[in-house]
Protein backbone atom coordinates (compact mmCIF):
# COMPACT_ATOMS: atom_id res chain seq x y z
CA MET A 1 148.15 114.84 69.92
CA LEU A 2 150.12 114.49 73.17
CA ALA A 3 148.89 117.85 74.47
CA ASP A 4 145.30 116.98 73.54
CA VAL A 5 145.48 113.84 75.69
CA PHE A 6 145.61 116.14 78.71
CA LEU A 7 143.75 119.23 77.47
CA LYS A 8 140.81 117.31 75.98
CA PHE A 9 140.77 114.41 78.43
CA ASN A 10 136.96 114.43 78.69
CA GLN A 11 136.21 114.81 74.98
CA GLY A 12 135.64 112.24 72.25
CA ARG A 13 138.43 109.76 71.61
CA TYR A 14 140.55 111.09 74.47
CA ARG A 15 137.77 110.31 76.95
CA ILE A 16 137.62 106.74 75.61
CA LEU A 17 141.41 106.44 75.86
CA HIS A 18 141.38 107.51 79.52
CA LEU A 19 138.44 105.25 80.39
CA THR A 20 140.19 102.32 78.73
CA TRP A 21 143.70 102.71 80.11
CA PHE A 22 142.25 102.93 83.61
CA ALA A 23 140.33 99.70 83.01
CA PHE A 24 143.63 98.11 82.03
CA PHE A 25 145.33 99.71 85.06
CA LEU A 26 142.83 98.07 87.43
CA SER A 27 143.16 94.71 85.70
CA PHE A 28 146.92 94.88 86.30
CA VAL A 29 146.52 95.86 89.95
CA VAL A 30 144.33 92.78 90.37
CA TRP A 31 146.63 90.57 88.31
CA PHE A 32 149.75 91.47 90.30
CA ASN A 33 148.29 91.87 93.78
CA PHE A 34 150.18 88.77 95.00
CA ALA A 35 153.79 89.71 94.16
CA PRO A 36 154.13 92.39 96.90
CA PHE A 37 152.97 89.86 99.52
CA LYS A 38 155.05 86.89 98.34
CA SER A 39 157.13 86.55 101.50
CA THR A 40 154.20 87.52 103.76
CA VAL A 41 151.86 84.86 102.35
CA GLN A 42 154.71 82.34 102.42
CA ALA A 43 155.27 82.91 106.12
CA ASP A 44 151.56 83.12 106.95
CA LEU A 45 150.62 79.81 105.31
CA GLY A 46 153.92 77.97 105.73
CA LEU A 47 154.69 77.61 102.01
CA THR A 48 157.98 76.36 100.57
CA GLU A 49 160.00 78.42 98.09
CA ALA A 50 159.03 75.98 95.31
CA GLN A 51 155.33 76.42 96.12
CA VAL A 52 155.57 80.21 96.08
CA ARG A 53 157.35 80.21 92.73
CA THR A 54 154.69 77.85 91.36
CA ILE A 55 151.98 80.34 92.39
CA LEU A 56 153.87 83.00 90.42
CA ILE A 57 153.71 80.75 87.35
CA CYS A 58 149.99 80.12 87.89
CA ASN A 59 149.48 83.88 87.91
CA VAL A 60 150.24 84.00 84.18
CA ALA A 61 149.19 80.49 83.11
CA LEU A 62 145.58 80.72 81.91
CA THR A 63 146.22 84.14 80.44
CA VAL A 64 147.66 82.20 77.47
CA PRO A 65 144.37 80.63 76.26
CA ALA A 66 142.33 83.46 77.77
CA ARG A 67 143.91 86.09 75.52
CA VAL A 68 143.07 84.04 72.44
CA ILE A 69 139.49 83.45 73.59
CA ILE A 70 139.04 87.07 74.70
CA GLY A 71 140.31 88.17 71.28
CA MET A 72 137.56 86.11 69.62
CA LEU A 73 134.87 87.45 71.96
CA LEU A 74 136.17 90.97 71.48
CA ASP A 75 135.88 90.82 67.68
CA LYS A 76 132.34 89.46 68.01
CA TYR A 77 130.84 91.44 70.90
CA GLY A 78 132.96 94.59 71.01
CA PRO A 79 135.35 95.96 73.64
CA ARG A 80 132.83 97.76 75.86
CA LEU A 81 130.91 94.62 76.88
CA THR A 82 133.96 92.37 76.94
CA TYR A 83 136.01 94.63 79.22
CA SER A 84 133.09 95.28 81.57
CA VAL A 85 132.38 91.58 82.10
CA LEU A 86 136.05 90.75 82.64
CA LEU A 87 136.48 93.44 85.31
CA MET A 88 133.38 92.29 87.15
CA PHE A 89 134.61 88.69 87.00
CA ALA A 90 137.84 89.76 88.76
CA ALA A 91 136.03 90.13 92.09
CA ILE A 92 135.40 86.37 92.31
CA PRO A 93 138.97 84.99 92.23
CA CYS A 94 140.27 87.95 94.26
CA THR A 95 137.85 87.06 97.03
CA THR A 96 138.64 83.34 96.95
CA PHE A 97 142.40 84.04 97.00
CA ALA A 98 141.97 86.37 99.97
CA LEU A 99 140.08 83.64 101.84
CA ALA A 100 142.46 80.78 100.92
CA GLN A 101 143.86 78.69 103.76
CA ASP A 102 146.20 76.31 101.91
CA PHE A 103 148.38 75.91 98.81
CA SER A 104 145.68 74.21 96.72
CA HIS A 105 143.21 77.05 97.14
CA LEU A 106 145.92 79.60 96.38
CA VAL A 107 146.80 77.81 93.13
CA LEU A 108 143.19 77.49 91.96
CA SER A 109 142.40 81.11 92.76
CA ARG A 110 145.56 82.32 91.08
CA LEU A 111 144.80 80.32 87.94
CA ALA A 112 141.39 82.00 87.78
CA LEU A 113 142.99 85.40 88.40
CA SER A 114 145.37 84.86 85.49
CA ILE A 115 142.35 85.17 83.17
CA VAL A 116 142.07 88.83 84.18
CA GLY A 117 145.44 89.44 82.50
CA ALA A 118 143.71 88.91 79.15
CA GLY A 119 142.12 92.35 79.45
CA PHE A 120 145.03 93.98 77.66
CA VAL A 121 143.96 92.84 74.17
CA ILE A 122 140.51 94.42 74.61
CA GLY A 123 141.87 97.93 74.84
CA ILE A 124 144.13 97.39 71.82
CA ARG A 125 141.05 97.01 69.62
CA MET A 126 139.17 99.80 71.41
CA THR A 127 142.06 102.25 70.93
CA ALA A 128 142.50 101.24 67.29
CA GLU A 129 138.83 102.02 66.65
CA TRP A 130 139.23 105.59 67.89
CA PHE A 131 142.68 106.63 66.59
CA PRO A 132 144.13 106.72 63.02
CA PRO A 133 147.27 104.77 61.97
CA LYS A 134 149.54 107.83 62.08
CA GLU A 135 148.76 108.26 65.81
CA ILE A 136 148.24 104.61 66.77
CA GLY A 137 151.72 104.15 68.26
CA LEU A 138 151.33 106.91 70.84
CA ALA A 139 147.69 106.07 71.58
CA GLU A 140 148.39 102.36 72.11
CA GLY A 141 151.51 103.28 74.08
CA ILE A 142 149.53 105.48 76.46
CA TYR A 143 146.92 102.76 76.86
CA GLY A 144 149.49 100.04 77.45
CA GLY A 145 151.97 102.09 79.46
CA TRP A 146 149.61 103.85 81.83
CA GLY A 147 147.60 100.67 82.25
CA ASN A 148 150.72 98.59 82.83
CA PHE A 149 151.59 100.97 85.64
CA GLY A 150 149.01 99.02 87.63
CA SER A 151 151.70 96.45 88.46
CA ALA A 152 153.89 99.22 89.93
CA ALA A 153 150.93 100.68 91.80
CA ALA A 154 150.26 97.26 93.29
CA ALA A 155 153.92 96.84 94.27
CA PHE A 156 154.34 100.09 96.18
CA SER A 157 150.81 100.81 97.43
CA LEU A 158 149.34 97.45 98.46
CA PRO A 159 151.91 96.75 101.23
CA VAL A 160 151.25 100.23 102.64
CA ILE A 161 147.49 99.72 102.42
CA ALA A 162 147.81 96.27 103.99
CA ALA A 163 149.83 97.74 106.89
CA TRP A 164 147.20 100.45 107.37
CA LEU A 165 144.44 97.83 107.33
CA SER A 166 146.19 95.93 110.14
CA PHE A 167 145.50 98.96 112.39
CA GLY A 168 149.00 99.13 113.86
CA ALA A 169 149.35 95.45 114.77
CA ILE A 170 152.95 94.23 115.13
CA ASN A 171 154.28 90.82 114.13
CA PRO A 172 155.72 89.43 117.42
CA ALA A 173 158.21 87.21 115.58
CA THR A 174 159.87 89.99 113.55
CA GLY A 175 158.81 93.23 115.19
CA ASP A 176 157.62 94.52 111.79
CA PRO A 177 154.10 95.87 111.15
CA MET A 178 151.54 93.17 110.32
CA LEU A 179 150.25 93.17 106.73
CA ASN A 180 146.54 92.50 106.22
CA TRP A 181 147.18 91.00 102.78
CA ARG A 182 143.78 89.31 102.64
CA LEU A 183 141.73 92.49 102.86
CA ALA A 184 144.09 94.36 100.53
CA ILE A 185 143.87 91.70 97.81
CA GLY A 186 140.12 91.19 98.21
CA GLY A 187 139.54 94.94 98.01
CA THR A 188 141.23 95.24 94.62
CA GLY A 189 138.70 92.82 93.14
CA ILE A 190 135.74 94.77 94.49
CA ILE A 191 137.09 98.02 93.06
CA ALA A 192 137.61 96.37 89.65
CA ALA A 193 134.03 95.08 89.60
CA ILE A 194 132.62 98.52 90.39
CA TYR A 195 134.67 100.07 87.61
CA GLY A 196 133.43 97.38 85.23
CA LEU A 197 129.92 98.81 85.64
CA ILE A 198 131.20 102.37 85.19
CA TYR A 199 132.98 101.37 81.99
CA PHE A 200 129.91 99.68 80.55
CA PHE A 201 127.75 102.77 80.96
CA ASN A 202 130.32 105.32 79.76
CA ALA A 203 132.32 103.76 76.89
CA GLU A 204 131.35 103.19 73.24
CA ASP A 205 132.84 100.68 70.81
CA THR A 206 133.35 103.12 67.94
CA PRO A 207 133.07 106.85 67.17
CA PRO A 208 129.60 108.01 66.06
CA GLY A 209 128.78 106.92 62.53
CA LYS A 210 131.60 104.39 62.24
CA VAL A 211 131.07 100.66 61.61
CA TYR A 212 132.55 98.13 64.04
CA GLN A 213 134.06 95.60 61.65
CA ARG A 214 133.59 91.97 62.65
CA PRO A 215 135.25 88.88 61.18
CA ARG A 216 133.19 86.43 59.12
CA SER A 217 133.54 84.05 62.07
CA ALA A 218 135.05 84.53 65.52
CA ARG A 219 135.66 80.79 66.02
CA GLY A 220 139.24 80.97 64.75
CA LEU A 221 141.72 83.30 63.09
CA GLU A 222 141.07 83.97 59.42
CA VAL A 223 144.17 83.67 57.21
CA THR A 224 144.47 84.53 53.53
CA THR A 225 146.79 81.83 52.09
CA LYS A 226 147.08 78.05 52.52
CA ARG A 227 150.69 78.37 53.66
CA ASP A 228 149.65 80.76 56.40
CA PHE A 229 147.06 78.28 57.68
CA TRP A 230 149.72 75.67 58.37
CA PHE A 231 151.99 78.34 59.82
CA LEU A 232 149.11 79.28 62.15
CA MET A 233 148.78 75.64 63.25
CA LEU A 234 152.50 75.57 64.03
CA MET A 235 152.41 78.81 66.03
CA ASN A 236 149.34 77.66 67.98
CA ALA A 237 151.20 74.60 69.31
CA PRO A 238 153.27 76.49 71.95
CA LEU A 239 150.07 77.93 73.43
CA SER A 240 149.07 74.42 74.53
CA GLY A 241 152.66 73.26 75.04
CA ILE A 242 153.38 75.92 77.64
CA LEU A 243 150.32 74.82 79.62
CA MET A 244 151.61 71.24 79.52
CA LEU A 245 154.83 72.58 81.01
CA LEU A 246 152.83 74.24 83.77
CA ALA A 247 150.95 71.00 84.42
CA TRP A 248 154.29 69.21 84.82
CA ARG A 249 155.49 71.91 87.21
CA LEU A 250 152.38 71.52 89.38
CA MET A 251 153.04 67.77 89.53
CA LYS A 252 156.63 68.42 90.66
CA VAL A 253 155.43 70.43 93.66
CA LYS A 254 152.98 67.62 94.51
CA PHE A 255 149.83 69.57 93.66
CA TYR A 256 148.61 66.32 92.06
CA ASP A 257 150.09 62.96 91.03
CA GLN A 258 151.62 61.87 87.72
CA ASN A 259 148.46 60.16 86.45
CA THR A 260 146.50 63.38 86.93
CA MET A 261 149.19 65.22 84.98
CA TYR A 262 148.72 62.83 82.05
CA ILE A 263 144.99 63.49 82.12
CA VAL A 264 145.65 67.24 82.04
CA TRP A 265 148.03 66.74 79.10
CA LEU A 266 145.36 64.81 77.18
CA ALA A 267 142.87 67.61 77.88
CA LEU A 268 145.35 70.19 76.57
CA LEU A 269 145.95 68.14 73.42
CA GLY A 270 142.18 68.06 72.99
CA LEU A 271 142.10 71.84 73.42
CA TYR A 272 144.68 72.22 70.66
CA ALA A 273 142.70 69.89 68.38
CA PHE A 274 139.52 71.85 69.08
CA GLN A 275 141.25 75.13 68.32
CA ALA A 276 142.69 73.67 65.10
CA TYR A 277 139.22 72.46 64.08
CA ASN A 278 137.76 75.92 64.63
CA CYS A 279 140.51 77.49 62.52
CA TRP A 280 139.86 74.90 59.81
CA THR A 281 136.14 75.71 59.91
CA VAL A 282 136.84 79.40 59.34
CA ASN A 283 139.35 78.74 56.54
CA LYS A 284 137.98 75.54 54.92
CA ASP A 285 136.90 77.25 51.69
CA LEU A 286 140.40 78.66 51.30
CA LEU A 287 142.00 75.26 51.93
CA ALA A 288 139.63 73.53 49.49
CA GLY A 289 140.45 76.02 46.75
CA ARG A 290 136.90 77.41 46.62
CA LYS A 291 138.03 80.82 47.80
CA ARG A 292 140.84 83.16 46.83
CA TYR A 293 141.65 86.49 48.38
CA PRO A 294 142.56 89.43 46.15
CA ALA A 295 146.10 90.65 46.73
CA GLU A 296 144.93 93.81 48.47
CA ASP A 297 142.88 91.77 50.97
CA ARG A 298 145.72 89.47 52.05
CA TYR A 299 148.02 89.74 55.02
CA ASN A 300 151.23 87.85 55.82
CA PHE A 301 150.91 85.68 58.93
CA SER A 302 154.70 85.47 59.25
CA GLN A 303 154.59 89.06 60.48
CA VAL A 304 152.19 88.02 63.24
CA ALA A 305 154.65 85.27 64.17
CA ILE A 306 157.56 87.71 64.46
CA LEU A 307 155.48 90.01 66.66
CA GLU A 308 154.60 87.01 68.83
CA LEU A 309 158.33 86.41 69.36
CA THR A 310 158.92 90.07 70.21
CA TYR A 311 156.18 89.90 72.81
CA ILE A 312 157.74 86.80 74.35
CA VAL A 313 160.96 88.68 75.07
CA ASN A 314 159.51 92.07 76.03
CA PHE A 315 156.16 91.58 77.78
CA GLY A 316 156.96 87.99 78.77
CA SER A 317 160.12 89.14 80.49
CA GLU A 318 158.31 92.06 82.14
CA LEU A 319 155.72 89.73 83.67
CA ALA A 320 158.51 87.52 84.98
CA ILE A 321 160.55 90.45 86.30
CA VAL A 322 157.58 92.13 88.00
CA SER A 323 156.85 88.84 89.76
CA MET A 324 160.41 88.29 91.06
CA LEU A 325 161.92 91.78 91.39
CA PRO A 326 160.50 92.72 94.84
CA ASN A 327 161.93 89.55 96.33
CA PHE A 328 165.21 90.08 94.39
CA PHE A 329 165.76 93.50 96.00
CA GLU A 330 164.62 92.20 99.38
CA GLN A 331 167.21 89.39 99.33
CA THR A 332 170.06 91.19 97.55
CA PHE A 333 170.04 94.39 99.61
CA SER A 334 168.43 93.08 102.86
CA LEU A 335 165.39 95.35 102.61
CA SER A 336 161.96 95.11 104.22
CA VAL A 337 158.98 93.92 102.18
CA ALA A 338 157.59 97.47 101.87
CA GLN A 339 160.98 98.95 100.92
CA ALA A 340 161.69 96.25 98.33
CA GLY A 341 158.21 96.62 96.87
CA MET A 342 158.57 100.38 96.46
CA ILE A 343 162.05 100.10 94.89
CA ALA A 344 161.09 97.23 92.59
CA SER A 345 158.12 99.25 91.40
CA SER A 346 160.64 101.53 89.64
CA TYR A 347 160.76 98.88 86.87
CA ALA A 348 157.03 99.08 86.20
CA PHE A 349 156.92 102.81 87.08
CA MET A 350 158.73 103.51 83.82
CA ASN A 351 155.60 102.33 81.97
CA LEU A 352 154.18 105.84 82.42
CA VAL A 353 156.68 107.24 79.94
CA SER A 354 158.54 104.38 78.24
CA ARG A 355 155.67 102.52 76.61
CA PRO A 356 154.08 105.70 75.22
CA GLY A 357 157.63 106.72 74.31
CA GLY A 358 158.07 103.53 72.31
CA GLY A 359 154.82 104.21 70.47
CA LEU A 360 155.80 107.84 69.86
CA ILE A 361 159.22 106.80 68.52
CA SER A 362 157.48 104.30 66.26
CA ASP A 363 155.15 107.07 64.99
CA SER A 364 158.02 109.50 64.48
CA LEU A 365 161.06 107.54 63.29
CA GLY A 366 159.53 106.66 59.93
CA SER A 367 160.12 102.91 60.24
CA ARG A 368 158.20 100.78 62.70
CA LYS A 369 160.43 97.80 61.84
CA GLN A 370 163.70 99.56 62.71
CA THR A 371 162.20 100.95 65.92
CA MET A 372 161.26 97.41 66.96
CA ALA A 373 164.73 96.03 66.26
CA ILE A 374 166.64 98.84 68.01
CA LEU A 375 164.53 98.78 71.17
CA THR A 376 164.73 94.98 71.43
CA PHE A 377 168.53 95.13 71.11
CA GLY A 378 168.72 97.75 73.89
CA MET A 379 166.54 95.55 76.06
CA GLY A 380 168.92 92.61 75.64
CA ILE A 381 171.93 94.71 76.67
CA GLY A 382 170.00 96.02 79.69
CA TYR A 383 169.20 92.54 80.99
CA LEU A 384 172.81 91.41 80.58
CA LEU A 385 173.90 94.40 82.68
CA MET A 386 171.28 93.57 85.34
CA SER A 387 172.85 90.11 85.68
CA THR A 388 175.85 91.83 87.28
CA VAL A 389 173.85 93.45 90.12
CA SER A 390 174.89 92.19 93.58
CA SER A 391 174.93 93.34 97.20
CA ASN A 392 178.20 95.15 96.43
CA TRP A 393 176.35 97.55 94.14
CA TRP A 394 175.33 101.02 95.21
CA LEU A 395 171.56 100.67 95.66
CA PRO A 396 170.63 103.87 93.74
CA GLY A 397 172.83 102.63 90.88
CA ALA A 398 170.93 99.34 90.78
CA VAL A 399 167.65 101.25 90.74
CA MET A 400 168.79 103.48 87.87
CA LEU A 401 169.92 100.44 85.84
CA THR A 402 166.55 98.79 86.50
CA MET A 403 164.73 101.86 85.23
CA ALA A 404 166.96 102.14 82.15
CA CYS A 405 166.41 98.48 81.29
CA SER A 406 162.67 98.82 81.81
CA PHE A 407 162.58 101.75 79.38
CA PHE A 408 163.75 99.53 76.53
CA VAL A 409 161.48 96.65 77.58
CA GLN A 410 158.33 98.72 77.74
CA ALA A 411 159.18 100.90 74.75
CA ALA A 412 159.57 97.66 72.77
CA GLU A 413 156.11 96.59 73.96
CA GLY A 414 154.72 99.89 72.72
CA SER A 415 156.48 99.34 69.41
CA THR A 416 154.99 95.84 69.07
CA PHE A 417 151.44 97.09 69.48
CA ALA A 418 152.07 100.07 67.23
CA ILE A 419 152.28 97.40 64.50
CA VAL A 420 149.59 94.89 65.58
CA PRO A 421 146.51 97.01 64.64
CA LEU A 422 147.99 97.66 61.18
CA ILE A 423 148.16 94.02 60.03
CA LYS A 424 144.48 93.18 59.32
CA ARG A 425 141.77 95.37 60.74
CA ARG A 426 138.78 93.02 60.88
CA VAL A 427 140.73 90.42 62.91
CA THR A 428 142.67 92.88 65.06
CA GLY A 429 141.23 91.40 68.26
CA GLN A 430 142.31 87.88 67.39
CA ILE A 431 145.77 88.96 66.21
CA ALA A 432 146.20 91.02 69.40
CA GLY A 433 145.00 88.00 71.39
CA ASN A 434 147.54 85.69 69.75
CA VAL A 435 150.42 88.16 70.13
CA GLY A 436 149.38 88.90 73.70
CA ALA A 437 149.13 85.18 74.50
CA TYR A 438 152.73 84.75 73.43
CA GLY A 439 153.70 87.33 76.01
CA ASN A 440 152.31 84.95 78.58
CA VAL A 441 154.00 81.98 76.90
CA GLY A 442 157.23 83.86 77.53
CA ALA A 443 156.24 84.66 81.10
CA VAL A 444 155.40 81.04 81.94
CA ALA A 445 158.59 79.81 80.27
CA TYR A 446 160.73 82.39 82.03
CA LEU A 447 159.11 81.83 85.43
CA THR A 448 159.47 78.07 85.02
CA ILE A 449 163.18 78.55 84.36
CA PHE A 450 163.28 80.93 87.34
CA SER A 451 161.64 78.33 89.60
CA LEU A 452 163.93 75.51 88.43
CA LEU A 453 167.27 77.33 88.47
CA PRO A 454 167.79 76.94 92.27
CA ILE A 455 167.13 73.20 91.90
CA TRP A 456 169.47 72.84 88.92
CA ILE A 457 172.20 74.72 90.81
CA GLY A 458 171.78 73.48 94.39
CA GLY A 459 169.69 70.31 94.22
CA GLU A 460 166.31 69.53 95.79
CA ALA A 461 167.16 70.97 99.22
CA GLU A 462 165.84 74.38 100.25
CA PRO A 463 168.11 76.82 98.36
CA THR A 464 170.78 78.82 100.16
CA THR A 465 171.25 82.56 99.71
CA ALA A 466 174.29 81.95 97.50
CA THR A 467 172.27 79.59 95.29
CA LEU A 468 169.47 82.14 94.89
CA ILE A 469 171.95 84.88 93.95
CA GLN A 470 173.56 82.68 91.31
CA ALA A 471 170.12 81.69 89.98
CA ASN A 472 169.13 85.36 89.62
CA THR A 473 172.33 86.10 87.67
CA ILE A 474 171.70 83.28 85.19
CA PHE A 475 168.04 84.27 84.88
CA PHE A 476 168.89 87.82 83.76
CA GLN A 477 171.42 86.40 81.29
CA VAL A 478 168.75 84.16 79.75
CA LEU A 479 166.47 87.18 79.29
CA GLY A 480 169.27 89.17 77.67
CA VAL A 481 170.38 86.52 75.18
CA ALA A 482 166.80 85.76 74.09
CA SER A 483 166.20 89.46 73.44
CA LEU A 484 169.30 89.80 71.26
CA ILE A 485 168.23 86.83 69.12
CA VAL A 486 164.77 88.34 68.51
CA ALA A 487 166.33 91.76 67.73
CA PHE A 488 168.27 90.05 64.92
CA LEU A 489 165.04 88.52 63.55
CA CYS A 490 163.27 91.90 63.66
CA TRP A 491 166.02 93.58 61.66
CA PHE A 492 166.23 90.93 58.94
CA VAL A 493 162.74 89.30 58.80
CA LEU A 494 160.12 91.79 60.00
CA LYS A 495 158.54 93.91 57.26
CA GLU A 496 157.23 97.45 57.40
CA PRO A 497 153.39 97.32 57.60
CA LYS A 498 151.43 98.84 54.73
CA GLY A 499 149.83 102.16 55.58
CA SER A 500 151.93 102.54 58.73
CA PHE A 501 151.46 106.30 58.80
CA ALA A 502 148.17 106.72 56.90
CA GLU A 503 145.33 109.06 57.82
CA HIS A 504 142.82 106.19 57.96
CA HIS A 505 142.85 102.49 58.74
CA GLU A 506 142.81 99.87 55.99
CA GLY A 507 139.34 99.77 54.39
CA GLU A 508 137.73 101.99 57.00
CA VAL A 509 134.00 102.47 56.40
CA SER A 510 131.18 104.48 57.97
CA GLU A 511 127.53 103.66 58.45
CA LEU A 512 126.81 105.54 55.23
CA GLU A 513 129.22 103.26 53.35
CA PRO A 514 128.50 99.67 54.44
CA ALA A 515 131.09 96.92 54.16
CA PHE A 516 130.49 94.38 51.40
CA THR A 517 131.44 90.73 51.40
CA PRO A 518 134.49 90.28 49.15
CA ALA A 519 134.08 88.15 46.07
CA HIS A 520 135.70 84.72 46.24
CA SER A 521 137.89 85.61 43.31
CA SER A 522 141.14 87.38 42.71
CA THR A 523 139.50 89.39 39.93
CA THR A 524 137.79 91.83 42.30
CA SER A 525 138.40 95.36 41.05
CA SER A 526 140.68 97.63 43.03
CA ASP A 527 137.95 100.25 43.42
CA GLU A 528 135.54 97.70 44.87
CA SER A 529 138.07 96.01 47.14
CA ALA A 530 139.10 99.38 48.53
CA ARG A 531 135.62 99.65 49.99
CA LEU A 532 135.42 96.12 51.38
CA TYR A 533 136.84 96.71 54.84
């Protein structure tokens, strides 16, 4: 298959794969177009360190509910329309961020831009529609890895583009080239919107003759046992809880007062209640005992929960690292913004090979569970080693360690989404949305810790260089320990998905063999239920 990705790039499923990973690539360029200009925007608008770190948190905040909502829309309307609209939407917050003149406008624009990060889950369903289970690891890895490279592209190219767009102007205070960050950031949104139109007119939801399977209702995630419903309610709580944490953080940097924070908290509790009601609506017949799923039509939600935890520690940590790494290299090794951005991009650069590599290992090793556990363990060791990096290190050695650590992180991400499409086909979008949202739960939690560590160590005063170095060390240690805990859970709790290496997806049907509604009884025959989905 790997050779066909390049040799048949304009044919059939490979054309769809390339169209879709590039859509994801652009969404990541847009999503991470602030990180390379962190210090530039800070100096230009006179922001404090706490304000800048809060903007980094806002960059991943609304991605949490957005991924769940996008997953619902995706299952209902299909990936082609959903991705196209999201990319066109990106132009609006990019433009408002580029025109912002104060901290409040930066925060509001960045919150809106965080919605664009939800695009990832769309391509997961699109790729699963076009590739069989035995190849899903590599296909999803290419989609995720090459698309994720957008963060690296933003890190090393946008400062260069911004310098070029300043037409040789020099900053009189520093003697460095001026960076036209406004035009560079605004331009990424325009490009994304144009590609949204291209994607709409060139992509298809499914191969010819294949049925796009939709859930009975897209209002909430369908589960197949009563126990799983209550487990779902429990696992939905952190999605609102992490936004309450963000609301508190915005209050701490005086974005609004305490009373406003309480109002936001009440709204978030209402959001959780509304989401719970929608899930109850979808599953009320099951809860009332009027409906039973045959054994072959059930799935175990605990496996979704484990994958959510894996995505906290792999993708959540990547989002946090991508946001802080340019500034980390700039401060630790006294580099310029452009130099630090290019070196820090080595972390995300590995996405080109490591995430597809993780999917390929998952396809080849014979056990998706063991692959997940091993890669997560390697990631934890890598982060603990990164906590030892200091100005005394040889810079190329620090870069090589960063790339080695990123291999395990991104390969683990590929391994996670080699499993997600195999759990329950008709709700793949919603499962991918929930797992993806937990990646952002991890990112917000990690970035909140990152923003508070200088305060916990050095107090409320503007942090010193020594305080920032110590904070970075502890931050990497937190990432490493969390990864090792989840690796243990993967080894002992995660189960091997059914049909992990099959020729066809669970219950796959064509237009000549329509899907039937399953009987509300456990007595459905195996021959009939095999044709249901």
